[in-house]
């Protein structure tokens, strides 16, 4: 059997590839456990500064693989379903909690949990054939699953989010771009290069500055108001101004050279 995900490293950028193209990268238990292990491990791997999430084959992720989860001996249907549900949801939580920005590259279909992988990323690119849907409601479940009711309205607005969640309709690349779900539509040949170029720009930031910026975006999406958002930003900026990397960045700016960060 091939590995359900493949990890490649290029300097401070790591690429995670969903690797079940024969199953349209549907989520089976080995894939979810591998994603859990990977994103959980990023907490202590500060040498990895940016993550690119992509997929092999013609689809990004077709959602849950209904045949890909083995029942455990003596486990009832409710308990087994809960185990599966929580296992996948944990991946989304770990993606949001990891300090590295996640840039997603999506082609073809992103259904159900596949769409939620994109929702849990920080930046999204897609190909012209991209389409996504909240597939859960089409299989007798509710339309709100894996963070969709939290992230989707914040990304695309309440009207489009409700349309998708209540109907399971597909939304294509152009509409996803117009709604702000993706940053750009790119050809299959160019999409990864665009993600790598953005990752390279992110690496121009100091290591802690990049980590804390993702942290502030995460926290301030739920800030109770403008003053609370400012308070967090103020504290982060003063904290970062005390680092060695900040002093190095100032010297590099004055000397018209690239800074040499040491994450100190």
Protein backbone atom coordinates (compact mmCIF):
# COMPACT_ATOMS: atom_id res chain seq x y z
CA UNK A 1 0.00 0.00 0.00
CA UNK A 2 1.18 3.53 -0.74
CA UNK A 3 1.43 6.09 2.01
CA UNK A 4 -1.88 7.98 2.46
CA UNK A 5 0.05 11.23 2.64
CA UNK A 6 3.48 12.17 1.31
CA UNK A 7 5.70 14.79 2.98
CA UNK A 8 8.40 16.66 1.08
CA UNK A 9 10.68 19.32 2.54
CA UNK A 10 12.34 22.21 0.76
CA UNK A 11 14.15 24.37 3.26
CA UNK A 12 11.63 25.85 5.69
CA UNK A 13 8.66 24.91 3.46
CA UNK A 14 7.02 21.51 3.82
CA UNK A 15 4.50 20.11 1.34
CA UNK A 16 1.86 17.62 2.45
CA UNK A 17 0.26 15.67 -0.41
CA UNK A 18 -2.93 13.65 -0.07
CA UNK A 19 -1.98 10.42 -1.80
CA UNK A 20 -5.08 8.34 -2.53
CA UNK A 21 -5.76 9.44 -6.10
CA UNK A 22 -7.45 6.13 -6.96
CA UNK A 23 -10.11 6.98 -4.32
CA UNK A 24 -10.23 10.71 -5.18
CA UNK A 25 -8.30 11.23 -1.94
CA UNK A 26 -11.34 10.32 0.15
CA UNK A 27 -10.67 10.28 3.88
CA UNK A 28 -10.05 6.80 5.22
CA UNK A 29 -8.76 6.00 8.70
CA UNK A 30 -5.06 5.70 7.77
CA UNK A 31 -5.12 9.07 6.01
CA UNK A 32 -6.81 10.82 8.92
CA UNK A 33 -4.46 9.30 11.47
CA UNK A 34 -1.48 10.33 9.34
CA UNK A 35 -2.80 13.89 9.06
CA UNK A 36 -3.36 14.01 12.81
CA UNK A 37 0.20 12.87 13.50
CA UNK A 38 1.63 15.35 11.03
CA UNK A 39 -0.24 18.48 12.13
CA UNK A 40 0.13 17.63 15.83
CA UNK A 41 3.88 17.28 15.37
CA UNK A 42 4.19 20.74 13.82
CA UNK A 43 3.74 22.37 17.24
CA UNK A 44 7.35 21.62 18.10
CA UNK A 45 8.88 21.83 14.61
CA UNK A 46 9.64 25.51 14.26
CA UNK A 47 12.20 24.79 11.53
CA UNK A 48 9.14 24.21 9.34
CA UNK A 49 7.74 27.69 8.81
CA UNK A 50 5.13 27.26 6.06
CA UNK A 51 3.06 24.24 4.99
CA UNK A 52 1.59 23.64 1.53
CA UNK A 53 -1.33 21.22 1.37
CA UNK A 54 -2.07 19.62 -2.00
CA UNK A 55 -3.41 16.39 -3.49
CA UNK A 56 -2.52 13.87 -6.17
CA UNK A 57 -4.90 13.04 -9.00
CA UNK A 58 -7.94 14.75 -10.46
CA UNK A 59 -9.69 15.64 -7.19
CA UNK A 60 -8.52 17.37 -4.05
CA UNK A 61 -10.65 15.27 -1.69
CA UNK A 62 -14.02 13.59 -2.20
CA UNK A 63 -14.86 13.65 1.51
CA UNK A 64 -15.36 10.67 3.79
CA UNK A 65 -14.52 7.19 2.55
CA UNK A 66 -17.47 5.29 4.00
CA UNK A 67 -15.67 1.97 3.52
CA UNK A 68 -12.34 3.16 4.88
CA UNK A 69 -13.01 2.85 8.61
CA UNK A 70 -12.71 -0.52 10.34
CA UNK A 71 -15.18 -1.21 13.17
CA UNK A 72 -13.64 -2.19 16.48
CA UNK A 73 -14.67 -5.32 18.28
CA UNK A 74 -17.63 -4.70 20.56
CA UNK A 75 -18.08 -1.13 19.36
CA UNK A 76 -21.63 0.05 18.73
CA UNK A 77 -22.73 2.14 15.76
CA UNK A 78 -22.96 5.35 17.79
CA UNK A 79 -19.56 4.84 19.37
CA UNK A 80 -17.93 3.99 16.03
CA UNK A 81 -19.51 6.96 14.31
CA UNK A 82 -18.39 9.25 17.13
CA UNK A 83 -14.83 7.95 16.88
CA UNK A 84 -14.76 8.68 13.15
CA UNK A 85 -16.37 12.08 13.57
CA UNK A 86 -13.95 13.19 16.24
CA UNK A 87 -10.91 11.82 14.42
CA UNK A 88 -11.61 13.98 11.36
CA UNK A 89 -12.63 17.03 13.38
CA UNK A 90 -9.36 16.76 15.30
CA UNK A 91 -7.43 17.22 12.04
CA UNK A 92 -9.23 20.53 11.45
CA UNK A 93 -8.48 21.66 15.01
CA UNK A 94 -4.81 20.76 14.68
CA UNK A 95 -4.55 22.64 11.39
CA UNK A 96 -5.88 25.81 12.98
CA UNK A 97 -3.71 25.34 16.09
CA UNK A 98 -0.39 24.69 14.34
CA UNK A 99 1.81 27.81 14.25
CA UNK A 100 2.67 27.46 10.56
CA UNK A 101 0.51 29.13 7.88
CA UNK A 102 -1.10 26.53 5.61
CA UNK A 103 -1.44 27.25 1.88
CA UNK A 104 -3.86 24.88 0.14
CA UNK A 105 -3.87 23.98 -3.56
CA UNK A 106 -7.11 22.41 -4.74
CA UNK A 107 -8.09 20.87 -8.06
CA UNK A 108 -11.30 19.15 -9.06
CA UNK A 109 -13.79 18.30 -6.33
CA UNK A 110 -13.52 19.20 -2.65
CA UNK A 111 -16.57 17.62 -1.05
CA UNK A 112 -17.64 17.57 2.59
CA UNK A 113 -14.55 16.96 4.67
CA UNK A 114 -12.40 17.88 1.67
CA UNK A 115 -13.94 21.35 1.70
CA UNK A 116 -13.31 21.50 5.45
CA UNK A 117 -9.60 20.85 4.88
CA UNK A 118 -9.63 23.96 2.72
CA UNK A 119 -11.65 25.91 5.30
CA UNK A 120 -9.04 25.00 7.92
CA UNK A 121 -6.18 26.28 5.74
CA UNK A 122 -5.04 29.91 5.79
CA UNK A 123 -4.77 30.63 2.05
CA UNK A 124 -6.38 28.76 -0.83
CA UNK A 125 -5.59 28.50 -4.55
CA UNK A 126 -7.64 26.47 -7.00
CA UNK A 127 -7.70 25.34 -10.62
CA UNK A 128 -10.45 26.29 -13.11
CA UNK A 129 -12.13 22.89 -12.67
CA UNK A 130 -12.41 23.29 -8.90
CA UNK A 131 -15.77 22.79 -7.25
CA UNK A 132 -16.77 22.38 -3.63
CA UNK A 133 -19.86 21.50 -1.66
CA UNK A 134 -21.12 20.83 1.85
CA UNK A 135 -21.93 17.27 0.90
CA UNK A 136 -23.04 16.15 4.34
CA UNK A 137 -26.65 17.21 3.85
CA UNK A 138 -26.87 15.08 0.69
CA UNK A 139 -26.40 11.85 2.65
CA UNK A 140 -29.10 12.32 5.26
CA UNK A 141 -27.02 14.30 7.74
CA UNK A 142 -27.01 17.98 8.63
CA UNK A 143 -25.21 20.43 6.39
CA UNK A 144 -23.06 21.74 9.24
CA UNK A 145 -20.02 19.55 9.77
CA UNK A 146 -16.26 19.71 10.31
CA UNK A 147 -16.29 23.43 11.03
CA UNK A 148 -18.37 24.46 8.01
CA UNK A 149 -20.92 26.39 10.07
CA UNK A 150 -18.07 28.31 11.73
CA UNK A 151 -15.68 29.07 8.88
CA UNK A 152 -17.88 29.23 5.79
CA UNK A 153 -20.03 32.25 6.82
CA UNK A 154 -16.88 34.09 7.87
CA UNK A 155 -15.23 33.40 4.50
CA UNK A 156 -18.05 33.83 1.99
CA UNK A 157 -20.83 35.60 3.90
CA UNK A 158 -24.03 34.29 5.42
CA UNK A 159 -26.12 34.08 2.24
CA UNK A 160 -23.79 31.91 0.17
CA UNK A 161 -22.88 29.85 3.24
CA UNK A 162 -26.55 29.15 3.92
CA UNK A 163 -27.16 28.28 0.26
CA UNK A 164 -24.33 25.76 0.32
CA UNK A 165 -25.03 24.28 3.73
CA UNK A 166 -28.80 23.97 3.27
CA UNK A 167 -28.72 22.58 -0.27
CA UNK A 168 -25.40 20.79 -0.77
CA UNK A 169 -25.05 22.61 -4.10
CA UNK A 170 -21.64 22.78 -5.74
CA UNK A 171 -19.85 26.12 -6.06
CA UNK A 172 -17.27 26.39 -8.81
CA UNK A 173 -13.94 28.18 -9.10
CA UNK A 174 -15.20 31.53 -10.40
CA UNK A 175 -17.83 31.88 -7.71
CA UNK A 176 -15.37 30.73 -5.04
CA UNK A 177 -12.99 33.47 -6.17
CA UNK A 178 -15.70 36.15 -6.26
CA UNK A 179 -16.80 35.19 -2.75
CA UNK A 180 -13.26 35.34 -1.37
CA UNK A 181 -12.98 31.62 -0.64
CA UNK A 182 -9.85 31.35 -2.80
CA UNK A 183 -7.15 33.94 -3.44
CA UNK A 184 -6.59 33.06 -7.08
CA UNK A 185 -7.49 30.63 -9.84
CA UNK A 186 -4.42 29.10 -11.47
CA UNK A 187 -3.73 26.50 -14.10
CA UNK A 188 -2.81 23.02 -12.84
CA UNK A 189 0.72 23.63 -14.10
CA UNK A 190 1.09 26.95 -12.24
CA UNK A 191 -0.83 26.45 -9.00
CA UNK A 192 1.93 24.86 -6.92
CA UNK A 193 4.45 27.43 -8.14
CA UNK A 194 2.11 30.21 -6.98
CA UNK A 195 1.82 28.59 -3.56
CA UNK A 196 5.58 28.23 -3.32
CA UNK A 197 6.06 31.88 -4.30
CA UNK A 198 3.65 32.98 -1.57
CA UNK A 199 5.42 30.71 0.92
CA UNK A 200 8.74 32.33 -0.05
CA UNK A 201 7.24 35.77 0.64
CA UNK A 202 6.06 34.55 4.04
CA UNK A 203 9.61 33.48 4.83
CA UNK A 204 10.70 37.11 4.57
CA UNK A 205 8.98 37.64 7.93
CA UNK A 206 10.74 36.80 11.16
CA UNK A 207 9.92 33.29 12.38
CA UNK A 208 8.10 34.40 15.52
CA UNK A 209 6.48 37.30 13.69
CA UNK A 210 4.94 34.85 11.22
CA UNK A 211 3.76 32.48 13.95
CA UNK A 212 2.20 35.24 16.04
CA UNK A 213 0.51 36.77 13.00
CA UNK A 214 -1.35 33.50 12.36
CA UNK A 215 -2.17 33.37 16.06
CA UNK A 216 -3.64 36.89 15.99
CA UNK A 217 -5.72 36.14 12.90
CA UNK A 218 -7.10 33.05 14.62
CA UNK A 219 -7.95 34.84 17.84
CA UNK A 220 -9.26 38.10 16.42
CA UNK A 221 -11.76 36.44 14.11
CA UNK A 222 -13.74 36.00 17.33
CA UNK A 223 -12.61 39.15 19.11
CA UNK A 224 -15.47 40.76 21.04
CA UNK A 225 -14.67 44.10 19.45
CA UNK A 226 -12.13 46.47 17.91
CA UNK A 227 -10.55 47.35 21.25
CA UNK A 228 -9.89 43.70 22.07
CA UNK A 229 -8.29 43.12 18.67
CA UNK A 230 -6.05 46.17 19.14
CA UNK A 231 -5.03 45.01 22.60
CA UNK A 232 -3.79 41.67 21.25
CA UNK A 233 -1.96 43.35 18.35
CA UNK A 234 -0.32 45.88 20.70
CA UNK A 235 0.99 43.16 22.99
CA UNK A 236 2.32 41.09 20.10
CA UNK A 237 4.14 44.04 18.55
CA UNK A 238 5.84 45.04 21.80
CA UNK A 239 6.79 41.41 22.45
CA UNK A 240 8.29 41.05 18.96
CA UNK A 241 10.14 44.37 19.24
CA UNK A 242 12.17 42.87 22.08
CA UNK A 243 13.53 39.98 19.96
CA UNK A 244 16.96 39.68 18.40
CA UNK A 245 15.30 39.10 15.04
CA UNK A 246 13.64 42.51 15.21
CA UNK A 247 17.00 44.19 15.77
CA UNK A 248 18.46 42.19 12.88
CA UNK A 249 15.57 43.19 10.62
CA UNK A 250 16.17 46.88 11.40
CA UNK A 251 19.89 46.55 10.67
CA UNK A 252 19.19 44.70 7.43
CA UNK A 253 16.74 47.36 6.33
CA UNK A 254 19.23 50.14 6.93
CA UNK A 255 21.99 48.16 5.21
CA UNK A 256 19.72 47.25 2.28
CA UNK A 257 20.22 43.49 2.63
CA UNK A 258 18.13 40.44 3.47
CA UNK A 259 17.88 39.78 7.22
CA UNK A 260 19.44 36.65 8.69
CA UNK A 261 16.89 35.45 11.21
CA UNK A 262 17.82 33.16 14.12
CA UNK A 263 14.36 32.81 15.73
CA UNK A 264 15.57 34.53 18.88
